[in-house]
N, C-alpha and C. Protein backbone atom coordinates (compact mmCIF):
# COMPACT_ATOMS: atom_id res chain seq x y z
N MET A 1 125.69 145.82 44.41
CA MET A 1 125.37 143.88 45.01
C MET A 1 126.49 144.62 46.50
N LYS A 2 126.07 144.49 47.46
CA LYS A 2 127.03 145.24 48.75
C LYS A 2 127.35 144.37 48.62
N LYS A 3 128.94 145.07 49.36
CA LYS A 3 130.13 144.40 49.49
C LYS A 3 129.93 143.79 50.95
N GLN A 4 130.41 141.71 50.72
CA GLN A 4 130.22 141.56 52.41
C GLN A 4 131.31 141.48 53.21
N LYS A 5 131.51 141.33 54.67
CA LYS A 5 132.67 141.84 55.31
C LYS A 5 132.68 141.75 56.27
N ALA A 6 133.25 140.69 56.72
CA ALA A 6 133.87 139.03 58.32
C ALA A 6 132.76 139.55 59.23
N ASN A 7 132.99 139.06 59.82
CA ASN A 7 132.06 139.42 61.19
C ASN A 7 133.15 138.95 62.09
N HIS A 8 133.38 139.44 62.39
CA HIS A 8 135.69 139.88 63.19
C HIS A 8 134.27 139.64 65.30
N GLU A 9 133.16 139.61 64.98
CA GLU A 9 132.29 138.80 66.31
C GLU A 9 132.41 137.20 66.42
N SER A 10 132.60 137.48 65.90
CA SER A 10 131.69 136.57 66.26
C SER A 10 133.59 135.17 66.32
N PRO A 11 133.26 134.28 67.31
CA PRO A 11 133.93 132.95 67.77
C PRO A 11 134.96 132.69 66.61
N MET A 12 133.99 132.05 65.85
CA MET A 12 134.42 131.31 64.32
C MET A 12 136.14 132.40 63.82
N THR A 13 135.45 133.47 63.27
CA THR A 13 136.30 134.51 62.88
C THR A 13 137.16 134.88 63.39
N GLN A 14 137.29 134.66 65.22
CA GLN A 14 138.55 134.91 66.63
C GLN A 14 139.36 134.19 66.13
N ASN A 15 138.61 132.83 65.50
CA ASN A 15 140.01 131.71 66.24
C ASN A 15 140.10 131.28 64.45
N LEU A 16 139.43 131.83 63.34
CA LEU A 16 140.34 132.25 61.98
C LEU A 16 141.57 132.61 61.91
N ILE A 17 141.37 134.34 62.34
CA ILE A 17 142.60 135.08 62.63
C ILE A 17 143.23 134.70 64.25
N SER A 18 142.98 134.32 64.09
CA SER A 18 144.39 133.77 66.00
C SER A 18 145.06 132.80 65.30
N LEU A 19 144.40 131.12 63.95
CA LEU A 19 145.49 130.69 63.62
C LEU A 19 146.12 130.77 62.02
N LEU A 20 145.74 132.13 61.16
CA LEU A 20 145.94 132.49 60.40
C LEU A 20 147.79 132.91 61.09
N SER A 21 147.36 134.15 62.26
CA SER A 21 148.80 134.85 63.02
C SER A 21 149.12 134.26 63.18
N ASP A 22 149.20 132.81 64.51
CA ASP A 22 149.80 131.49 64.39
C ASP A 22 150.99 130.98 62.73
N LEU A 23 149.89 130.61 62.09
CA LEU A 23 150.50 130.09 61.07
C LEU A 23 151.26 131.55 59.90
N GLU A 24 151.91 132.79 59.97
CA GLU A 24 151.73 133.52 59.41
C GLU A 24 153.22 133.85 60.31
N ASN A 25 153.18 133.08 62.04
CA ASN A 25 154.23 134.47 62.62
C ASN A 25 155.39 132.92 62.95
N CYS A 26 154.67 131.30 62.67
CA CYS A 26 155.48 130.55 62.58
C CYS A 26 156.31 129.98 61.56
N ASP A 27 155.20 130.20 60.45
CA ASP A 27 156.10 129.68 58.57
C ASP A 27 155.99 131.04 57.11
N ARG A 28 155.50 132.32 57.83
CA ARG A 28 156.13 132.44 56.83
C ARG A 28 157.60 132.73 56.01
N GLN A 29 158.49 133.16 57.11
CA GLN A 29 159.79 132.83 56.27
C GLN A 29 159.94 131.32 55.44
N ARG A 30 159.45 130.29 55.19
CA ARG A 30 159.80 129.25 55.00
C ARG A 30 159.11 128.84 53.55
N MET A 31 157.66 129.66 53.71
CA MET A 31 156.82 129.94 52.27
C MET A 31 157.02 130.58 51.49
N SER A 32 156.52 129.72 50.14
CA SER A 32 156.87 130.65 48.67
C SER A 32 156.58 131.88 48.76
N SER A 33 157.04 132.72 47.60
CA SER A 33 156.06 133.44 47.45
C SER A 33 154.63 133.57 46.81
N SER A 34 153.85 132.19 46.34
CA SER A 34 152.38 132.31 46.73
C SER A 34 151.23 132.46 47.72
N GLY A 35 152.35 131.71 48.12
CA GLY A 35 151.93 130.81 50.05
C GLY A 35 151.27 132.04 50.48
N LYS A 36 152.91 132.95 50.52
CA LYS A 36 152.97 134.59 51.15
C LYS A 36 151.43 135.75 49.95
N HIS A 37 151.59 135.41 48.72
CA HIS A 37 150.69 136.28 49.07
C HIS A 37 148.72 135.55 48.69
N TYR A 38 149.65 134.41 48.70
CA TYR A 38 147.48 134.02 49.34
C TYR A 38 147.25 134.59 50.72
N LEU A 39 148.09 133.87 51.57
CA LEU A 39 147.79 134.86 53.06
C LEU A 39 147.61 135.83 53.32
N ASP A 40 147.86 137.00 52.48
CA ASP A 40 148.11 138.43 52.28
C ASP A 40 146.48 138.80 51.69
N GLU A 41 146.35 137.46 51.14
CA GLU A 41 145.02 137.85 50.42
C GLU A 41 144.09 137.48 51.29
N ILE A 42 143.67 136.28 52.31
CA ILE A 42 142.67 136.29 53.09
C ILE A 42 142.86 137.29 53.96
N TRP A 43 144.35 138.02 54.51
CA TRP A 43 144.00 138.44 55.51
C TRP A 43 142.76 140.06 55.05
N LYS A 44 143.20 140.12 53.62
CA LYS A 44 142.32 141.82 52.70
C LYS A 44 141.20 141.41 52.89
N LEU A 45 140.59 139.94 52.47
CA LEU A 45 139.49 139.61 52.95
C LEU A 45 138.68 139.84 54.04
N LEU A 46 139.84 139.35 54.82
CA LEU A 46 139.07 139.21 56.40
C LEU A 46 138.70 141.00 56.89
N GLY A 47 139.13 141.75 56.27
CA GLY A 47 139.62 143.47 55.96
C GLY A 47 140.08 143.69 57.20
N LEU A 48 141.22 143.04 57.09
CA LEU A 48 142.90 143.21 58.07
C LEU A 48 143.78 143.28 57.37
N PRO A 49 144.97 143.72 57.92
CA PRO A 49 146.05 144.06 57.00
C PRO A 49 147.23 143.67 56.81
N ALA A 50 147.67 143.37 55.27
CA ALA A 50 148.38 142.38 55.10
C ALA A 50 149.90 142.90 55.92
N TYR A 51 150.49 141.83 55.94
CA TYR A 51 152.23 141.95 56.14
C TYR A 51 152.67 142.56 55.58
N ASP A 52 152.19 142.98 54.46
CA ASP A 52 153.50 144.50 54.57
C ASP A 52 152.78 145.94 54.92
N ASP A 53 151.46 145.45 54.72
CA ASP A 53 151.49 146.95 55.70
C ASP A 53 151.62 147.04 57.17
N MET A 54 151.63 145.90 57.85
CA MET A 54 152.24 145.45 59.29
C MET A 54 152.85 146.36 59.29
N ILE A 55 154.28 145.90 58.79
CA ILE A 55 155.83 146.31 58.61
C ILE A 55 155.60 147.11 57.89
N LYS A 56 155.28 147.82 56.67
CA LYS A 56 154.69 150.25 56.92
C LYS A 56 154.02 150.76 58.45
N MET A 57 153.43 150.12 59.18
CA MET A 57 152.77 150.36 59.94
C MET A 57 153.69 150.73 61.06
N SER A 58 154.85 149.87 60.86
CA SER A 58 155.99 149.58 62.00
C SER A 58 156.70 149.73 62.07
N GLU A 59 157.52 150.52 60.77
CA GLU A 59 158.67 150.75 60.28
C GLU A 59 157.85 152.31 60.48
N LYS A 60 157.00 153.32 60.41
CA LYS A 60 156.48 153.93 60.16
C LYS A 60 156.52 155.08 61.45
N LEU A 61 155.48 153.96 62.59
CA LEU A 61 155.64 154.32 64.10
C LEU A 61 157.13 154.49 64.59
N ASP A 62 157.80 153.27 64.09
CA ASP A 62 159.34 153.51 64.47
C ASP A 62 160.28 155.21 63.93
N THR A 63 159.81 155.41 63.40
CA THR A 63 160.39 157.17 62.98
C THR A 63 159.35 158.24 63.26
N MET A 64 157.98 157.54 64.29
CA MET A 64 158.21 158.88 64.91
C MET A 64 158.86 159.45 66.39
N ASP A 65 157.90 160.58 66.38
CA ASP A 65 158.76 161.13 67.60
C ASP A 65 157.39 161.07 68.97
N LYS A 66 157.84 161.50 69.92
CA LYS A 66 156.68 161.11 70.98
C LYS A 66 156.15 161.88 70.91
N GLU A 67 155.96 162.99 70.27
CA GLU A 67 154.34 164.21 69.75
C GLU A 67 153.93 163.52 69.28
N GLU A 68 154.06 162.75 68.10
CA GLU A 68 153.42 162.31 66.75
C GLU A 68 152.28 160.98 68.01
N LEU A 69 153.20 160.34 68.22
CA LEU A 69 152.92 159.23 69.00
C LEU A 69 151.75 159.19 70.18
N GLU A 70 152.29 160.55 71.13
CA GLU A 70 150.95 161.15 71.68
C GLU A 70 149.81 161.43 71.03
N HIS A 71 149.52 162.51 70.05
CA HIS A 71 148.50 162.63 69.51
C HIS A 71 147.73 161.59 68.99
N ILE A 72 148.27 160.37 68.55
CA ILE A 72 147.55 159.25 67.95
C ILE A 72 147.05 158.76 68.53
N GLU A 73 147.68 158.41 70.27
CA GLU A 73 147.16 157.36 72.17
C GLU A 73 145.94 158.57 71.70
N GLN A 74 145.78 159.55 71.29
CA GLN A 74 145.04 160.42 72.52
C GLN A 74 143.21 160.16 71.06
N SER A 75 143.97 160.17 69.76
CA SER A 75 142.99 160.56 68.75
C SER A 75 142.46 158.52 68.79
N VAL A 76 142.71 158.51 69.40
CA VAL A 76 142.17 155.96 69.58
C VAL A 76 141.14 156.24 69.60
N PRO A 77 139.97 156.01 69.87
CA PRO A 77 138.61 156.28 70.91
C PRO A 77 138.56 154.96 71.47
N VAL A 78 139.50 153.65 71.17
CA VAL A 78 139.20 152.80 72.33
C VAL A 78 140.14 151.97 72.90
N GLU A 79 140.55 151.49 73.58
CA GLU A 79 141.97 149.94 73.69
C GLU A 79 142.35 149.73 73.04
N PRO A 80 143.14 149.05 73.02
CA PRO A 80 143.53 147.63 71.42
C PRO A 80 142.95 146.57 72.06
N GLU A 81 142.79 146.47 73.45
CA GLU A 81 141.58 145.42 74.36
C GLU A 81 139.85 145.34 74.10
N ASP A 82 139.74 146.72 73.58
CA ASP A 82 137.72 146.68 73.03
C ASP A 82 137.92 146.29 72.11
N LEU A 83 138.70 145.78 70.99
CA LEU A 83 138.34 145.70 69.94
C LEU A 83 137.67 144.72 69.77
N PRO A 84 137.18 144.59 68.76
CA PRO A 84 136.15 143.25 68.32
C PRO A 84 136.68 142.18 68.27
N PHE A 85 138.48 142.53 67.03
CA PHE A 85 139.59 140.93 66.55
C PHE A 85 140.52 141.87 67.61
N GLN A 86 141.69 140.32 67.87
CA GLN A 86 143.23 141.93 67.72
C GLN A 86 143.79 141.36 66.93
N PRO A 87 144.24 142.69 66.50
CA PRO A 87 145.53 142.47 65.40
C PRO A 87 146.56 141.26 64.63
N HIS A 88 146.35 140.81 64.24
CA HIS A 88 147.45 139.70 63.73
C HIS A 88 148.66 140.81 63.90
N PRO A 89 150.00 139.44 65.07
CA PRO A 89 151.59 140.55 65.14
C PRO A 89 152.53 140.33 64.57
N ILE A 90 152.96 141.45 64.27
CA ILE A 90 153.63 141.43 63.08
C ILE A 90 155.54 140.40 63.31
N PRO A 91 155.67 139.48 62.83
CA PRO A 91 156.66 138.86 63.53
C PRO A 91 158.24 138.30 63.88
N ASN A 92 158.98 138.75 63.75
CA ASN A 92 160.28 138.48 64.34
C ASN A 92 160.82 138.13 62.78
N THR A 93 161.75 139.27 62.05
CA THR A 93 162.94 138.89 60.82
C THR A 93 163.92 138.54 60.93
N GLY A 94 164.40 138.25 62.22
CA GLY A 94 165.75 138.44 62.36
C GLY A 94 166.50 139.61 61.48
N ASP A 95 166.06 140.17 60.76
CA ASP A 95 166.50 141.66 60.71
C ASP A 95 166.96 142.57 62.11
N GLU A 96 167.32 141.78 62.40
CA GLU A 96 167.01 143.29 63.90
C GLU A 96 169.27 143.24 64.47
């Protein structure tokens, strides 16, 4: 059976991603562990990185030097604005 994927170009899916992103930014700190788990599972169903994946990517980017970052920028085929969806932002955890 062929695995179905979310259509990131549809307005409904884009709206869903936006609403989930807003929910995560506003309420993740107050969510129960079950709530966080289910939200992460929804991101995975949509084919997008979950919260912990975004944190790991952010930490990895923070530790990269200028040359490594330039290499990544050169290998990205499109500008982020050109993607059919916008990745959900990483909320500020207040640990800074």
